Amino acid sequence: MTKDEIESRARAALARVLKVAPESIADDASHNNLSEWDSVHHMNVILAVENDFGIEFEDSELQTLTSLSLLVAAVEKHTAG
C-alpha cells in the first residue's frame, strides 16, 4: 500500500468520524485546526483508522496521533513488512 493510498483512506476515516467532507480535510489537518476533532472524537478517529487498516496502535501512541500526517506515518509503520 502506498503512502497516498494510506492517506486517502485515513482522510476518509477522519471525514466519516467527524462528519465532514473528505475534501475539507487539508493535508495539515490536526486536532488544532479541525474544531470537530475534539477529545471526544479522538478515540473514535483512532478506532476507525485501526478498523479500516486492520491494525492496533500501542497505548503509548494514542495521545500522539493528533494529525493526519501522524496518523499516516503510524499506519505506515504498522503495515510495513
N, C-alpha and C. Protein backbone atom coordinates (compact mmCIF):
# COMPACT_ATOMS: atom_id res chain seq x y z
N MET A 1 0.85 -1.18 0.00
CA MET A 1 0.00 0.00 0.00
C MET A 1 0.90 1.24 0.00
N THR A 2 0.57 2.17 -0.88
CA THR A 2 1.39 3.38 -0.97
C THR A 2 0.98 4.39 0.10
N LYS A 3 1.85 5.36 0.31
CA LYS A 3 1.56 6.42 1.27
C LYS A 3 0.30 7.18 0.85
N ASP A 4 0.13 7.41 -0.46
CA ASP A 4 -1.05 8.13 -0.94
C ASP A 4 -2.33 7.35 -0.65
N GLU A 5 -2.28 6.02 -0.81
CA GLU A 5 -3.45 5.19 -0.51
C GLU A 5 -3.77 5.24 0.98
N ILE A 6 -2.74 5.17 1.80
CA ILE A 6 -2.94 5.25 3.25
C ILE A 6 -3.54 6.60 3.61
N GLU A 7 -3.00 7.66 3.04
CA GLU A 7 -3.51 9.00 3.35
C GLU A 7 -4.96 9.15 2.92
N SER A 8 -5.30 8.64 1.77
CA SER A 8 -6.67 8.73 1.27
C SER A 8 -7.63 7.98 2.20
N ARG A 9 -7.26 6.80 2.61
CA ARG A 9 -8.12 6.01 3.50
C ARG A 9 -8.21 6.63 4.89
N ALA A 10 -7.10 7.16 5.39
CA ALA A 10 -7.11 7.82 6.70
C ALA A 10 -7.96 9.08 6.65
N ARG A 11 -7.86 9.83 5.55
CA ARG A 11 -8.67 11.04 5.37
C ARG A 11 -10.15 10.67 5.34
N ALA A 12 -10.48 9.59 4.67
CA ALA A 12 -11.88 9.13 4.60
C ALA A 12 -12.38 8.73 5.99
N ALA A 13 -11.54 8.06 6.78
CA ALA A 13 -11.93 7.67 8.13
C ALA A 13 -12.16 8.91 8.99
N LEU A 14 -11.27 9.87 8.90
CA LEU A 14 -11.43 11.13 9.63
C LEU A 14 -12.74 11.80 9.25
N ALA A 15 -13.00 11.89 7.97
CA ALA A 15 -14.20 12.56 7.48
C ALA A 15 -15.45 11.86 8.00
N ARG A 16 -15.43 10.53 7.96
CA ARG A 16 -16.58 9.76 8.42
C ARG A 16 -16.86 10.00 9.90
N VAL A 17 -15.82 9.94 10.72
CA VAL A 17 -15.98 10.12 12.16
C VAL A 17 -16.38 11.55 12.51
N LEU A 18 -15.75 12.51 11.85
CA LEU A 18 -16.00 13.91 12.17
C LEU A 18 -17.21 14.49 11.43
N LYS A 19 -17.79 13.66 10.54
CA LYS A 19 -18.97 14.07 9.77
C LYS A 19 -18.71 15.33 8.95
N VAL A 20 -17.59 15.31 8.22
CA VAL A 20 -17.25 16.39 7.31
C VAL A 20 -16.89 15.77 5.96
N ALA A 21 -16.85 16.59 4.93
CA ALA A 21 -16.46 16.11 3.60
C ALA A 21 -14.96 15.82 3.57
N PRO A 22 -14.56 14.70 2.96
CA PRO A 22 -13.12 14.39 2.89
C PRO A 22 -12.29 15.51 2.28
N GLU A 23 -12.86 16.20 1.29
CA GLU A 23 -12.09 17.28 0.64
C GLU A 23 -11.92 18.50 1.55
N SER A 24 -12.65 18.55 2.65
CA SER A 24 -12.48 19.66 3.59
C SER A 24 -11.35 19.41 4.58
N ILE A 25 -10.78 18.21 4.53
CA ILE A 25 -9.68 17.87 5.43
C ILE A 25 -8.37 18.14 4.71
N ALA A 26 -7.69 19.19 5.13
CA ALA A 26 -6.43 19.62 4.49
C ALA A 26 -5.30 18.65 4.83
N ASP A 27 -4.23 18.73 4.07
CA ASP A 27 -3.07 17.88 4.32
C ASP A 27 -2.48 18.11 5.71
N ASP A 28 -2.64 19.33 6.22
CA ASP A 28 -2.09 19.65 7.54
C ASP A 28 -3.15 19.54 8.65
N ALA A 29 -4.21 18.80 8.38
CA ALA A 29 -5.30 18.66 9.35
C ALA A 29 -4.80 18.07 10.66
N SER A 30 -5.28 18.67 11.75
CA SER A 30 -4.92 18.17 13.08
C SER A 30 -6.02 18.54 14.06
N HIS A 31 -5.88 18.06 15.27
CA HIS A 31 -6.86 18.41 16.29
C HIS A 31 -6.80 19.91 16.61
N ASN A 32 -5.71 20.57 16.23
CA ASN A 32 -5.57 22.01 16.47
C ASN A 32 -6.35 22.87 15.48
N ASN A 33 -6.54 22.37 14.26
CA ASN A 33 -7.20 23.20 13.26
C ASN A 33 -8.50 22.61 12.72
N LEU A 34 -8.94 21.50 13.28
CA LEU A 34 -10.25 20.94 12.95
C LEU A 34 -11.09 20.96 14.23
N SER A 35 -12.00 21.89 14.31
CA SER A 35 -12.78 22.04 15.54
C SER A 35 -13.58 20.78 15.87
N GLU A 36 -13.94 20.01 14.85
CA GLU A 36 -14.69 18.78 15.07
C GLU A 36 -13.85 17.70 15.76
N TRP A 37 -12.53 17.79 15.62
CA TRP A 37 -11.63 16.77 16.18
C TRP A 37 -11.30 17.15 17.62
N ASP A 38 -12.23 16.88 18.50
CA ASP A 38 -12.04 17.17 19.91
C ASP A 38 -11.67 15.89 20.65
N SER A 39 -11.52 16.00 21.95
CA SER A 39 -11.08 14.84 22.74
C SER A 39 -12.10 13.71 22.70
N VAL A 40 -13.36 14.05 22.57
CA VAL A 40 -14.40 13.03 22.50
C VAL A 40 -14.27 12.24 21.20
N HIS A 41 -14.02 12.93 20.10
CA HIS A 41 -13.92 12.26 18.81
C HIS A 41 -12.57 11.59 18.58
N HIS A 42 -11.56 11.95 19.36
CA HIS A 42 -10.22 11.43 19.13
C HIS A 42 -10.20 9.89 19.17
N MET A 43 -10.80 9.30 20.18
CA MET A 43 -10.78 7.83 20.27
C MET A 43 -11.57 7.20 19.13
N ASN A 44 -12.63 7.85 18.69
CA ASN A 44 -13.38 7.33 17.54
C ASN A 44 -12.55 7.39 16.26
N VAL A 45 -11.75 8.44 16.11
CA VAL A 45 -10.84 8.54 14.96
C VAL A 45 -9.84 7.38 15.01
N ILE A 46 -9.25 7.17 16.17
CA ILE A 46 -8.26 6.09 16.33
C ILE A 46 -8.89 4.74 16.01
N LEU A 47 -10.06 4.48 16.57
CA LEU A 47 -10.74 3.20 16.33
C LEU A 47 -11.10 3.01 14.86
N ALA A 48 -11.55 4.07 14.21
CA ALA A 48 -11.90 3.98 12.79
C ALA A 48 -10.67 3.64 11.96
N VAL A 49 -9.55 4.28 12.24
CA VAL A 49 -8.32 4.01 11.49
C VAL A 49 -7.85 2.58 11.76
N GLU A 50 -7.87 2.16 13.02
CA GLU A 50 -7.48 0.79 13.35
C GLU A 50 -8.35 -0.22 12.60
N ASN A 51 -9.66 -0.01 12.61
CA ASN A 51 -10.57 -0.93 11.93
C ASN A 51 -10.36 -0.93 10.42
N ASP A 52 -10.19 0.25 9.84
CA ASP A 52 -10.02 0.34 8.39
C ASP A 52 -8.75 -0.33 7.89
N PHE A 53 -7.71 -0.31 8.72
CA PHE A 53 -6.42 -0.87 8.29
C PHE A 53 -6.11 -2.22 8.93
N GLY A 54 -6.97 -2.67 9.84
CA GLY A 54 -6.73 -3.96 10.49
C GLY A 54 -5.49 -3.95 11.36
N ILE A 55 -5.27 -2.84 12.05
CA ILE A 55 -4.09 -2.71 12.92
C ILE A 55 -4.54 -2.32 14.33
N GLU A 56 -3.61 -2.34 15.25
CA GLU A 56 -3.89 -1.87 16.60
C GLU A 56 -2.72 -1.03 17.07
N PHE A 57 -3.01 0.22 17.40
CA PHE A 57 -1.97 1.11 17.89
C PHE A 57 -1.63 0.75 19.33
N GLU A 58 -0.40 1.02 19.71
CA GLU A 58 0.02 0.84 21.10
C GLU A 58 -0.61 1.94 21.95
N ASP A 59 -0.89 1.63 23.20
CA ASP A 59 -1.47 2.63 24.10
C ASP A 59 -0.62 3.90 24.15
N SER A 60 0.70 3.72 24.10
CA SER A 60 1.61 4.87 24.19
C SER A 60 1.51 5.78 22.96
N GLU A 61 1.00 5.27 21.85
CA GLU A 61 0.88 6.07 20.62
C GLU A 61 -0.38 6.93 20.60
N LEU A 62 -1.41 6.51 21.31
CA LEU A 62 -2.74 7.11 21.14
C LEU A 62 -2.76 8.62 21.29
N GLN A 63 -2.07 9.14 22.28
CA GLN A 63 -2.08 10.59 22.52
C GLN A 63 -1.27 11.37 21.49
N THR A 64 -0.41 10.67 20.75
CA THR A 64 0.46 11.37 19.78
C THR A 64 -0.15 11.43 18.39
N LEU A 65 -1.22 10.70 18.14
CA LEU A 65 -1.81 10.63 16.80
C LEU A 65 -2.83 11.75 16.61
N THR A 66 -2.32 12.96 16.55
CA THR A 66 -3.16 14.15 16.59
C THR A 66 -3.22 14.92 15.26
N SER A 67 -2.74 14.30 14.19
CA SER A 67 -2.84 14.96 12.89
C SER A 67 -2.94 13.89 11.81
N LEU A 68 -3.39 14.29 10.65
CA LEU A 68 -3.48 13.37 9.52
C LEU A 68 -2.10 12.81 9.20
N SER A 69 -1.09 13.65 9.18
CA SER A 69 0.25 13.16 8.81
C SER A 69 0.80 12.19 9.85
N LEU A 70 0.52 12.42 11.13
CA LEU A 70 0.97 11.50 12.17
C LEU A 70 0.22 10.17 12.09
N LEU A 71 -1.07 10.23 11.78
CA LEU A 71 -1.84 9.00 11.57
C LEU A 71 -1.27 8.19 10.42
N VAL A 72 -1.00 8.86 9.31
CA VAL A 72 -0.46 8.19 8.12
C VAL A 72 0.88 7.53 8.45
N ALA A 73 1.76 8.24 9.13
CA ALA A 73 3.07 7.69 9.49
C ALA A 73 2.91 6.47 10.38
N ALA A 74 1.99 6.53 11.34
CA ALA A 74 1.79 5.41 12.24
C ALA A 74 1.21 4.20 11.51
N VAL A 75 0.29 4.44 10.58
CA VAL A 75 -0.25 3.33 9.78
C VAL A 75 0.85 2.71 8.93
N GLU A 76 1.68 3.56 8.32
CA GLU A 76 2.80 3.04 7.52
C GLU A 76 3.68 2.13 8.37
N LYS A 77 3.97 2.55 9.58
CA LYS A 77 4.81 1.77 10.48
C LYS A 77 4.16 0.43 10.81
N HIS A 78 2.87 0.44 11.05
CA HIS A 78 2.17 -0.77 11.46
C HIS A 78 1.87 -1.72 10.30
N THR A 79 1.89 -1.22 9.07
CA THR A 79 1.59 -2.07 7.93
C THR A 79 2.84 -2.44 7.13
N ALA A 80 3.98 -1.93 7.54
CA ALA A 80 5.23 -2.23 6.82
C ALA A 80 5.64 -3.69 7.05
N GLY A 81 6.24 -4.24 6.01
CA GLY A 81 6.82 -5.57 6.13
C GLY A 81 5.83 -6.64 6.06
